[in-house]
C-alpha atoms as a PDB file:
ATOM      1  CA  MET A   1     -20.551  10.159   3.810  1.00  0.00           C
ATOM      2  CA  GLY A   2     -18.618   7.135   5.074  1.00  0.00           C
ATOM      3  CA  GLN A   3     -15.246   6.943   6.744  1.00  0.00           C
ATOM      4  CA  VAL A   4     -13.656   5.889   3.444  1.00  0.00           C
ATOM      5  CA  THR A   5     -14.478   7.339   0.023  1.00  0.00           C
ATOM      6  CA  LEU A   6     -13.804   6.155  -3.511  1.00  0.00           C
ATOM      7  CA  GLU A   7     -13.339   8.281  -6.619  1.00  0.00           C
ATOM      8  CA  LYS A   8     -12.735   6.735 -10.022  1.00  0.00           C
ATOM      9  CA  LYS A   9     -10.694   8.660 -12.577  1.00  0.00           C
ATOM     10  CA  ASP A  10     -10.220   7.083 -15.985  1.00  0.00           C
ATOM     11  CA  ARG A  11      -8.472   3.792 -15.162  1.00  0.00           C
ATOM     12  CA  MET A  12      -7.523   4.877 -11.640  1.00  0.00           C
ATOM     13  CA  ALA A  13      -9.143   4.687  -8.217  1.00  0.00           C
ATOM     14  CA  VAL A  14      -8.503   7.248  -5.471  1.00  0.00           C
ATOM     15  CA  ILE A  15      -9.365   5.960  -1.997  1.00  0.00           C
ATOM     16  CA  THR A  16      -9.488   8.532   0.797  1.00  0.00           C
ATOM     17  CA  LEU A  17      -9.624   7.797   4.511  1.00  0.00           C
ATOM     18  CA  ASN A  18     -12.176  10.410   5.450  1.00  0.00           C
ATOM     19  CA  ARG A  19     -12.351  11.001   9.170  1.00  0.00           C
ATOM     20  CA  PRO A  20      -9.989  13.972   9.512  1.00  0.00           C
ATOM     21  CA  GLU A  21     -11.357  15.074  12.888  1.00  0.00           C
ATOM     22  CA  LYS A  22     -10.031  11.757  14.288  1.00  0.00           C
ATOM     23  CA  GLN A  23      -6.879  11.762  12.134  1.00  0.00           C
ATOM     24  CA  ASN A  24      -8.447   9.000  10.030  1.00  0.00           C
ATOM     25  CA  ALA A  25      -8.162   6.420  12.804  1.00  0.00           C
ATOM     26  CA  LEU A  26      -8.747   2.923  11.471  1.00  0.00           C
ATOM     27  CA  THR A  27     -11.836   1.862  13.392  1.00  0.00           C
ATOM     28  CA  ALA A  28     -13.371  -1.561  12.766  1.00  0.00           C
ATOM     29  CA  SER A  29     -16.038   0.070  10.607  1.00  0.00           C
ATOM     30  CA  ALA A  30     -13.430   2.051   8.646  1.00  0.00           C
ATOM     31  CA  ARG A  31     -11.492  -1.142   7.992  1.00  0.00           C
ATOM     32  CA  GLN A  32     -14.653  -2.842   6.785  1.00  0.00           C
ATOM     33  CA  GLU A  33     -15.494   0.078   4.482  1.00  0.00           C
ATOM     34  CA  LEU A  34     -11.973  -0.024   3.078  1.00  0.00           C
ATOM     35  CA  PHE A  35     -12.220  -3.778   2.506  1.00  0.00           C
ATOM     36  CA  THR A  36     -15.536  -3.347   0.657  1.00  0.00           C
ATOM     37  CA  ILE A  37     -14.008  -0.680  -1.595  1.00  0.00           C
ATOM     38  CA  LEU A  38     -10.912  -2.776  -2.311  1.00  0.00           C
ATOM     39  CA  LYS A  39     -13.091  -5.734  -3.299  1.00  0.00           C
ATOM     40  CA  GLU A  40     -15.101  -3.459  -5.603  1.00  0.00           C
ATOM     41  CA  ILE A  41     -11.906  -2.272  -7.281  1.00  0.00           C
ATOM     42  CA  ASP A  42     -10.534  -5.788  -7.502  1.00  0.00           C
ATOM     43  CA  GLY A  43     -13.658  -6.852  -9.384  1.00  0.00           C
ATOM     44  CA  ASN A  44     -13.416  -3.985 -11.877  1.00  0.00           C
ATOM     45  CA  ASN A  45     -11.064  -4.800 -14.752  1.00  0.00           C
ATOM     46  CA  GLN A  46     -11.234  -1.168 -15.904  1.00  0.00           C
ATOM     47  CA  ILE A  47      -9.315  -0.029 -12.808  1.00  0.00           C
ATOM     48  CA  ARG A  48      -5.597  -0.570 -13.278  1.00  0.00           C
ATOM     49  CA  ALA A  49      -3.992   1.507 -10.528  1.00  0.00           C
ATOM     50  CA  ALA A  50      -5.050   2.938  -7.181  1.00  0.00           C
ATOM     51  CA  ILE A  51      -4.041   5.608  -4.680  1.00  0.00           C
ATOM     52  CA  ILE A  52      -4.742   5.559  -0.952  1.00  0.00           C
ATOM     53  CA  THR A  53      -4.495   8.828   0.977  1.00  0.00           C
ATOM     54  CA  GLY A  54      -6.008  10.575   3.982  1.00  0.00           C
ATOM     55  CA  ALA A  55      -8.221  13.616   4.360  1.00  0.00           C
ATOM     56  CA  GLY A  56      -6.923  16.582   6.331  1.00  0.00           C
ATOM     57  CA  ASP A  57      -3.510  16.532   7.973  1.00  0.00           C
ATOM     58  CA  ALA A  58      -3.109  12.795   8.572  1.00  0.00           C
ATOM     59  CA  PHE A  59      -2.820   9.656   6.493  1.00  0.00           C
ATOM     60  CA  ALA A  60      -4.027   7.416   9.303  1.00  0.00           C
ATOM     61  CA  ALA A  61      -3.012   7.873  12.910  1.00  0.00           C
ATOM     62  CA  GLY A  62      -3.473   4.296  14.018  1.00  0.00           C
ATOM     63  CA  ALA A  63      -6.375   2.388  15.498  1.00  0.00           C
ATOM     64  CA  ASP A  64      -9.194   3.579  17.741  1.00  0.00           C
ATOM     65  CA  ILE A  65      -7.518   3.404  21.180  1.00  0.00           C
ATOM     66  CA  ARG A  66     -10.736   4.182  23.054  1.00  0.00           C
ATOM     67  CA  ALA A  67     -12.457   1.177  21.473  1.00  0.00           C
ATOM     68  CA  MET A  68      -9.474  -1.008  22.369  1.00  0.00           C
ATOM     69  CA  GLU A  69      -9.917  -0.262  26.089  1.00  0.00           C
ATOM     70  CA  SER A  70     -12.800  -2.723  26.314  1.00  0.00           C
ATOM     71  CA  TYR A  71     -11.224  -5.479  24.171  1.00  0.00           C
ATOM     72  CA  SER A  72     -11.237  -9.011  25.484  1.00  0.00           C
ATOM     73  CA  ILE A  73      -8.444 -11.326  24.345  1.00  0.00           C
ATOM     74  CA  GLU A  74     -10.846 -12.732  21.750  1.00  0.00           C
ATOM     75  CA  ASP A  75     -11.694  -9.208  20.549  1.00  0.00           C
ATOM     76  CA  ALA A  76      -7.983  -8.427  20.153  1.00  0.00           C
ATOM     77  CA  VAL A  77      -7.352 -11.595  18.142  1.00  0.00           C
ATOM     78  CA  GLN A  78     -10.395 -10.924  15.955  1.00  0.00           C
ATOM     79  CA  SER A  79      -9.310  -7.335  15.325  1.00  0.00           C
ATOM     80  CA  SER A  80      -5.812  -8.473  14.381  1.00  0.00           C
ATOM     81  CA  ARG A  81      -7.184 -11.098  12.036  1.00  0.00           C
ATOM     82  CA  GLN A  82      -9.546  -8.601  10.403  1.00  0.00           C
ATOM     83  CA  GLY A  83      -6.791  -6.062   9.824  1.00  0.00           C
ATOM     84  CA  SER A  84      -4.289  -8.697   8.696  1.00  0.00           C
ATOM     85  CA  THR A  85      -6.756 -10.172   6.204  1.00  0.00           C
ATOM     86  CA  LEU A  86      -7.573  -6.714   4.856  1.00  0.00           C
ATOM     87  CA  PHE A  87      -3.947  -5.686   4.357  1.00  0.00           C
ATOM     88  CA  LEU A  88      -2.982  -9.050   2.856  1.00  0.00           C
ATOM     89  CA  PHE A  89      -5.812  -8.626   0.338  1.00  0.00           C
ATOM     90  CA  LEU A  90      -4.518  -5.130  -0.469  1.00  0.00           C
ATOM     91  CA  GLU A  91      -0.942  -6.362  -0.808  1.00  0.00           C
ATOM     92  CA  ASN A  92      -1.973  -9.160  -3.181  1.00  0.00           C
ATOM     93  CA  MET A  93      -4.279  -7.145  -5.433  1.00  0.00           C
ATOM     94  CA  PRO A  94      -2.954  -7.420  -8.998  1.00  0.00           C
ATOM     95  CA  ILE A  95      -3.032  -3.671  -9.598  1.00  0.00           C
ATOM     96  CA  PRO A  96      -0.293  -1.409  -8.174  1.00  0.00           C
ATOM     97  CA  VAL A  97      -1.354   0.731  -5.217  1.00  0.00           C
ATOM     98  CA  ILE A  98       0.344   4.003  -4.237  1.00  0.00           C
ATOM     99  CA  ALA A  99       0.170   5.351  -0.685  1.00  0.00           C
ATOM    100  CA  ALA A 100       0.174   9.172  -0.789  1.00  0.00           C
ATOM    101  CA  ILE A 101       1.074   9.893   2.825  1.00  0.00           C
ATOM    102  CA  ASN A 102       0.082  13.432   3.694  1.00  0.00           C
ATOM    103  CA  GLY A 103       0.754  13.439   7.443  1.00  0.00           C
ATOM    104  CA  TRP A 104       0.794  11.045  10.396  1.00  0.00           C
ATOM    105  CA  ALA A 105       1.084   7.352   9.511  1.00  0.00           C
ATOM    106  CA  LEU A 106       1.138   5.622  12.859  1.00  0.00           C
ATOM    107  CA  GLY A 107       0.286   2.129  14.050  1.00  0.00           C
ATOM    108  CA  GLY A 108      -2.338   0.673  11.757  1.00  0.00           C
ATOM    109  CA  GLY A 109      -1.847   3.643   9.453  1.00  0.00           C
ATOM    110  CA  LEU A 110       1.772   2.696   8.809  1.00  0.00           C
ATOM    111  CA  GLU A 111       0.721  -0.943   8.474  1.00  0.00           C
ATOM    112  CA  LEU A 112      -1.745   0.136   5.783  1.00  0.00           C
ATOM    113  CA  ALA A 113       0.988   2.047   3.961  1.00  0.00           C
ATOM    114  CA  LEU A 114       3.337  -0.950   4.193  1.00  0.00           C
ATOM    115  CA  ALA A 115       0.773  -3.087   2.367  1.00  0.00           C
ATOM    116  CA  CYS A 116       0.851  -0.677  -0.588  1.00  0.00           C
ATOM    117  CA  ASP A 117       3.331  -1.102  -3.438  1.00  0.00           C
ATOM    118  CA  ILE A 118       4.775   2.402  -3.506  1.00  0.00           C
ATOM    119  CA  ARG A 119       4.896   4.998  -0.730  1.00  0.00           C
ATOM    120  CA  ILE A 120       5.432   8.711  -1.288  1.00  0.00           C
ATOM    121  CA  CYS A 121       4.947  11.378   1.331  1.00  0.00           C
ATOM    122  CA  SER A 122       4.914  15.075   2.122  1.00  0.00           C
ATOM    123  CA  PRO A 123       7.715  16.638   4.245  1.00  0.00           C
ATOM    124  CA  ASN A 124       5.428  16.885   7.296  1.00  0.00           C
ATOM    125  CA  ALA A 125       4.706  13.138   7.344  1.00  0.00           C
ATOM    126  CA  LYS A 126       5.639  11.177  10.446  1.00  0.00           C
ATOM    127  CA  PHE A 127       5.907   7.395  10.708  1.00  0.00           C
ATOM    128  CA  GLY A 128       5.865   5.003  13.622  1.00  0.00           C
ATOM    129  CA  GLN A 129       4.660   1.830  15.300  1.00  0.00           C
ATOM    130  CA  PRO A 130       4.038   3.216  18.802  1.00  0.00           C
ATOM    131  CA  GLU A 131       1.958   0.276  20.065  1.00  0.00           C
ATOM    132  CA  VAL A 132       4.482  -0.630  22.800  1.00  0.00           C
ATOM    133  CA  LYS A 133       3.747   2.709  24.463  1.00  0.00           C
ATOM    134  CA  VAL A 134       0.291   1.371  25.379  1.00  0.00           C
ATOM    135  CA  GLY A 135       1.582  -2.100  26.221  1.00  0.00           C
ATOM    136  CA  ILE A 136       0.761  -3.945  22.994  1.00  0.00           C
ATOM    137  CA  LEU A 137       2.473  -4.607  19.644  1.00  0.00           C
ATOM    138  CA  PRO A 138       1.607  -4.084  15.965  1.00  0.00           C
ATOM    139  CA  GLY A 139      -1.319  -6.308  15.070  1.00  0.00           C
ATOM    140  CA  TYR A 140      -1.802  -6.019  11.302  1.00  0.00           C
ATOM    141  CA  GLY A 141       1.496  -7.214   9.859  1.00  0.00           C
ATOM    142  CA  ALA A 142       4.144  -4.589  10.640  1.00  0.00           C
ATOM    143  CA  ASN A 143       6.221  -7.184  12.495  1.00  0.00           C
ATOM    144  CA  ILE A 144       6.656  -8.868   9.113  1.00  0.00           C
ATOM    145  CA  ARG A 145       6.474  -6.078   6.521  1.00  0.00           C
ATOM    146  CA  LEU A 146       8.533  -3.419   8.290  1.00  0.00           C
ATOM    147  CA  PRO A 147      11.684  -5.616   8.661  1.00  0.00           C
ATOM    148  CA  ARG A 148      11.355  -6.637   5.025  1.00  0.00           C
ATOM    149  CA  THR A 149      11.176  -2.989   4.015  1.00  0.00           C
ATOM    150  CA  ILE A 150      13.818  -1.265   6.138  1.00  0.00           C
ATOM    151  CA  GLY A 151      15.780  -4.200   7.567  1.00  0.00           C
ATOM    152  CA  ILE A 152      15.499  -6.077  10.848  1.00  0.00           C
ATOM    153  CA  PRO A 153      17.664  -3.833  13.105  1.00  0.00           C
ATOM    154  CA  ARG A 154      15.890  -0.609  12.149  1.00  0.00           C
ATOM    155  CA  ALA A 155      12.464  -2.243  12.351  1.00  0.00           C
ATOM    156  CA  LYS A 156      13.228  -3.600  15.817  1.00  0.00           C
ATOM    157  CA  GLU A 157      14.328  -0.173  16.982  1.00  0.00           C
ATOM    158  CA  MET A 158      11.161   1.443  15.665  1.00  0.00           C
ATOM    159  CA  ILE A 159       8.874  -1.209  17.149  1.00  0.00           C
ATOM    160  CA  TYR A 160      10.669  -1.791  20.491  1.00  0.00           C
ATOM    161  CA  PHE A 161      10.931   1.915  21.313  1.00  0.00           C
ATOM    162  CA  GLY A 162       7.766   3.091  19.552  1.00  0.00           C
ATOM    163  CA  LYS A 163      10.065   5.442  17.677  1.00  0.00           C
ATOM    164  CA  ILE A 164       8.539   8.131  15.432  1.00  0.00           C
ATOM    165  CA  ILE A 165      10.595   9.063  12.370  1.00  0.00           C
ATOM    166  CA  THR A 166      10.436  11.996   9.973  1.00  0.00           C
ATOM    167  CA  ALA A 167       9.807  11.982   6.243  1.00  0.00           C
ATOM    168  CA  ALA A 168      13.515  12.541   5.586  1.00  0.00           C
ATOM    169  CA  GLU A 169      14.455   9.581   7.789  1.00  0.00           C
ATOM    170  CA  ALA A 170      11.820   7.436   6.105  1.00  0.00           C
ATOM    171  CA  GLU A 171      13.267   8.254   2.697  1.00  0.00           C
ATOM    172  CA  THR A 172      16.800   7.449   3.854  1.00  0.00           C
ATOM    173  CA  MET A 173      15.628   4.077   5.204  1.00  0.00           C
ATOM    174  CA  GLY A 174      13.712   3.226   2.036  1.00  0.00           C
ATOM    175  CA  LEU A 175      10.363   3.286   3.806  1.00  0.00           C
ATOM    176  CA  VAL A 176       9.220   5.846   1.232  1.00  0.00           C
ATOM    177  CA  THR A 177      10.653   6.384  -2.232  1.00  0.00           C
ATOM    178  CA  ARG A 178      10.046  10.129  -2.539  1.00  0.00           C
ATOM    179  CA  VAL A 179       9.340  13.154  -0.363  1.00  0.00           C
ATOM    180  CA  ILE A 180       7.151  15.568  -2.327  1.00  0.00           C
ATOM    181  CA  PRO A 181       6.097  19.135  -1.411  1.00  0.00           C
ATOM    182  CA  ARG A 182       2.674  18.932   0.254  1.00  0.00           C
ATOM    183  CA  GLU A 183       0.902  20.903  -2.461  1.00  0.00           C
ATOM    184  CA  GLN A 184       2.282  18.589  -5.153  1.00  0.00           C
ATOM    185  CA  LEU A 185       1.767  15.261  -3.377  1.00  0.00           C
ATOM    186  CA  MET A 186      -1.587  14.230  -4.842  1.00  0.00           C
ATOM    187  CA  GLN A 187      -0.748  15.414  -8.342  1.00  0.00           C
ATOM    188  CA  THR A 188       2.469  13.410  -8.212  1.00  0.00           C
ATOM    189  CA  ALA A 189       0.524  10.354  -7.043  1.00  0.00           C
ATOM    190  CA  LEU A 190      -2.028  10.859  -9.814  1.00  0.00           C
ATOM    191  CA  ASP A 191       0.712  11.207 -12.435  1.00  0.00           C
ATOM    192  CA  MET A 192       2.361   8.006 -11.217  1.00  0.00           C
ATOM    193  CA  ALA A 193      -0.952   6.133 -11.103  1.00  0.00           C
ATOM    194  CA  GLU A 194      -1.871   7.317 -14.597  1.00  0.00           C
ATOM    195  CA  GLN A 195       1.441   6.061 -15.955  1.00  0.00           C
ATOM    196  CA  LEU A 196       0.896   2.693 -14.264  1.00  0.00           C
ATOM    197  CA  ALA A 197      -2.717   2.519 -15.439  1.00  0.00           C
ATOM    198  CA  ARG A 198      -1.612   2.996 -19.032  1.00  0.00           C
ATOM    199  CA  GLY A 199       1.160   0.458 -18.705  1.00  0.00           C
ATOM    200  CA  PRO A 200       1.217  -3.150 -19.882  1.00  0.00           C
ATOM    201  CA  ALA A 201      -0.322  -6.218 -18.271  1.00  0.00           C
ATOM    202  CA  SER A 202       3.195  -7.254 -17.287  1.00  0.00           C
ATOM    203  CA  ILE A 203       3.080  -4.790 -14.352  1.00  0.00           C
ATOM    204  CA  ALA A 204       0.652  -7.121 -12.576  1.00  0.00           C
ATOM    205  CA  LEU A 205       2.915 -10.055 -13.385  1.00  0.00           C
ATOM    206  CA  ALA A 206       5.922  -8.142 -12.041  1.00  0.00           C
ATOM    207  CA  LYS A 207       4.042  -7.464  -8.802  1.00  0.00           C
ATOM    208  CA  GLN A 208       3.214 -11.147  -8.525  1.00  0.00           C
ATOM    209  CA  ALA A 209       6.807 -12.088  -9.271  1.00  0.00           C
ATOM    210  CA  ILE A 210       8.067  -9.871  -6.441  1.00  0.00           C
ATOM    211  CA  ASN A 211       5.412 -10.724  -3.844  1.00  0.00           C
ATOM    212  CA  SER A 212       5.246 -14.466  -4.406  1.00  0.00           C
ATOM    213  CA  VAL A 213       8.940 -15.280  -4.007  1.00  0.00           C
ATOM    214  CA  MET A 214       9.752 -13.491  -0.752  1.00  0.00           C
ATOM    215  CA  ASP A 215       9.929 -16.698   1.296  1.00  0.00           C
ATOM    216  CA  LEU A 216      11.300 -19.024  -1.377  1.00  0.00           C
ATOM    217  CA  ASP A 217      14.845 -20.222  -1.822  1.00  0.00           C
ATOM    218  CA  MET A 218      16.670 -18.931  -4.897  1.00  0.00           C
ATOM    219  CA  ASP A 219      16.029 -21.986  -7.086  1.00  0.00           C
ATOM    220  CA  ARG A 220      12.276 -21.927  -6.514  1.00  0.00           C
ATOM    221  CA  ALA A 221      12.117 -18.148  -6.726  1.00  0.00           C
ATOM    222  CA  LEU A 222      13.838 -18.189 -10.119  1.00  0.00           C
ATOM    223  CA  ALA A 223      11.504 -20.941 -11.325  1.00  0.00           C
ATOM    224  CA  VAL A 224       8.476 -18.831 -10.407  1.00  0.00           C
ATOM    225  CA  SER A 225      10.064 -15.782 -12.045  1.00  0.00           C
ATOM    226  CA  SER A 226      10.696 -17.726 -15.279  1.00  0.00           C
ATOM    227  CA  ARG A 227       7.111 -18.975 -15.364  1.00  0.00           C
ATOM    228  CA  LEU A 228       5.735 -15.466 -14.952  1.00  0.00           C
ATOM    229  CA  TYR A 229       8.187 -14.173 -17.552  1.00  0.00           C
ATOM    230  CA  GLY A 230       6.699 -16.703 -19.948  1.00  0.00           C
ATOM    231  CA  ASP A 231       3.175 -15.622 -18.965  1.00  0.00           C
ATOM    232  CA  ALA A 232       4.025 -12.088 -20.116  1.00  0.00           C
ATOM    233  CA  TYR A 233       4.454 -13.416 -23.647  1.00  0.00           C
ATOM    234  CA  LYS A 234       0.860 -14.625 -23.589  1.00  0.00           C
ATOM    235  CA  THR A 235      -0.353 -11.010 -23.437  1.00  0.00           C
ATOM    236  CA  ARG A 236      -1.246  -8.770 -26.346  1.00  0.00           C
ATOM    237  CA  ASP A 237       0.687  -5.997 -24.634  1.00  0.00           C
ATOM    238  CA  ALA A 238       3.960  -7.905 -24.990  1.00  0.00           C
ATOM    239  CA  ARG A 239       3.451  -8.254 -28.734  1.00  0.00           C
ATOM    240  CA  GLU A 240       2.449  -4.606 -28.998  1.00  0.00           C
ATOM    241  CA  GLY A 241       5.439  -3.443 -26.956  1.00  0.00           C
ATOM    242  CA  ILE A 242       7.968  -5.411 -28.972  1.00  0.00           C
ATOM    243  CA  ARG A 243       6.391  -4.402 -32.262  1.00  0.00           C
ATOM    244  CA  ALA A 244       6.281  -0.730 -31.238  1.00  0.00           C
ATOM    245  CA  TYR A 245       9.947  -0.825 -30.250  1.00  0.00           C
ATOM    246  CA  LEU A 246      10.945  -2.291 -33.605  1.00  0.00           C
ATOM    247  CA  GLU A 247       8.740   0.214 -35.447  1.00  0.00           C
ATOM    248  CA  LYS A 248      10.186   3.091 -33.396  1.00  0.00           C
ATOM    249  CA  ARG A 249       6.824   4.332 -32.085  1.00  0.00           C
ATOM    250  CA  PRO A 250       5.228   4.625 -28.634  1.00  0.00           C
ATOM    251  CA  PRO A 251       3.372   1.463 -27.612  1.00  0.00           C
ATOM    252  CA  VAL A 252      -0.376   1.530 -26.973  1.00  0.00           C
ATOM    253  CA  PHE A 253      -1.036  -0.905 -24.161  1.00  0.00           C
ATOM    254  CA  GLN A 254      -4.510  -2.238 -23.365  1.00  0.00           C
ATOM    255  CA  GLY A 255      -3.737  -4.052 -20.152  1.00  0.00           C
ATOM    256  CA  ASN A 256      -4.288  -7.523 -21.558  1.00  0.00           C
END
């Protein structure tokens, strides 16, 4: 069995980081396995929502520090580029992705969670970017995504001090949207993913509308939003949703 596993359920994909004895550390091979799985999902139009979680008591406790000891400068740059490319691909996938964070999410593990659309966690989860404690900095995008998620001052404090925060603190900051009892975490994630998977094609357009305007000025952002709003009307789901509303019945969306 590999370091990352994939299970398909109806229109959902459940991806599990599966190296619990190493707290699901994101080795180069684990990142490559994850990338391969994400590309497989991206090419499957039957999959309409995904969950990423970790086996055991951790989501992902960062990178493989022992492997990093022998890095040259070129190795470090290559590793950063590999991780950044992987997480950018994840972030830009049209389907919504839920991170079900069941424990430690540190370093690259938190960077992975930040690239997901929705983050929920169990009360025992811990979050941090502790790279400065070994003399480096986040390499896979946290310097960009974390400030956008929790604000620049809080992100700087977490990154500069290598600060570890609790699930409750993460919820207060908006880093996660819900803290769920551990025994209910995966079922909650599955329920959310099922609802998304049965939703309309406009969910993918909404994701695109949010992600694609982050660095645009308001005029251009609104122009992109209007174009995507118009694209929604090209879908069968829009016609079905409007018709169902007028007929006072639940809509039956097909994702197209």
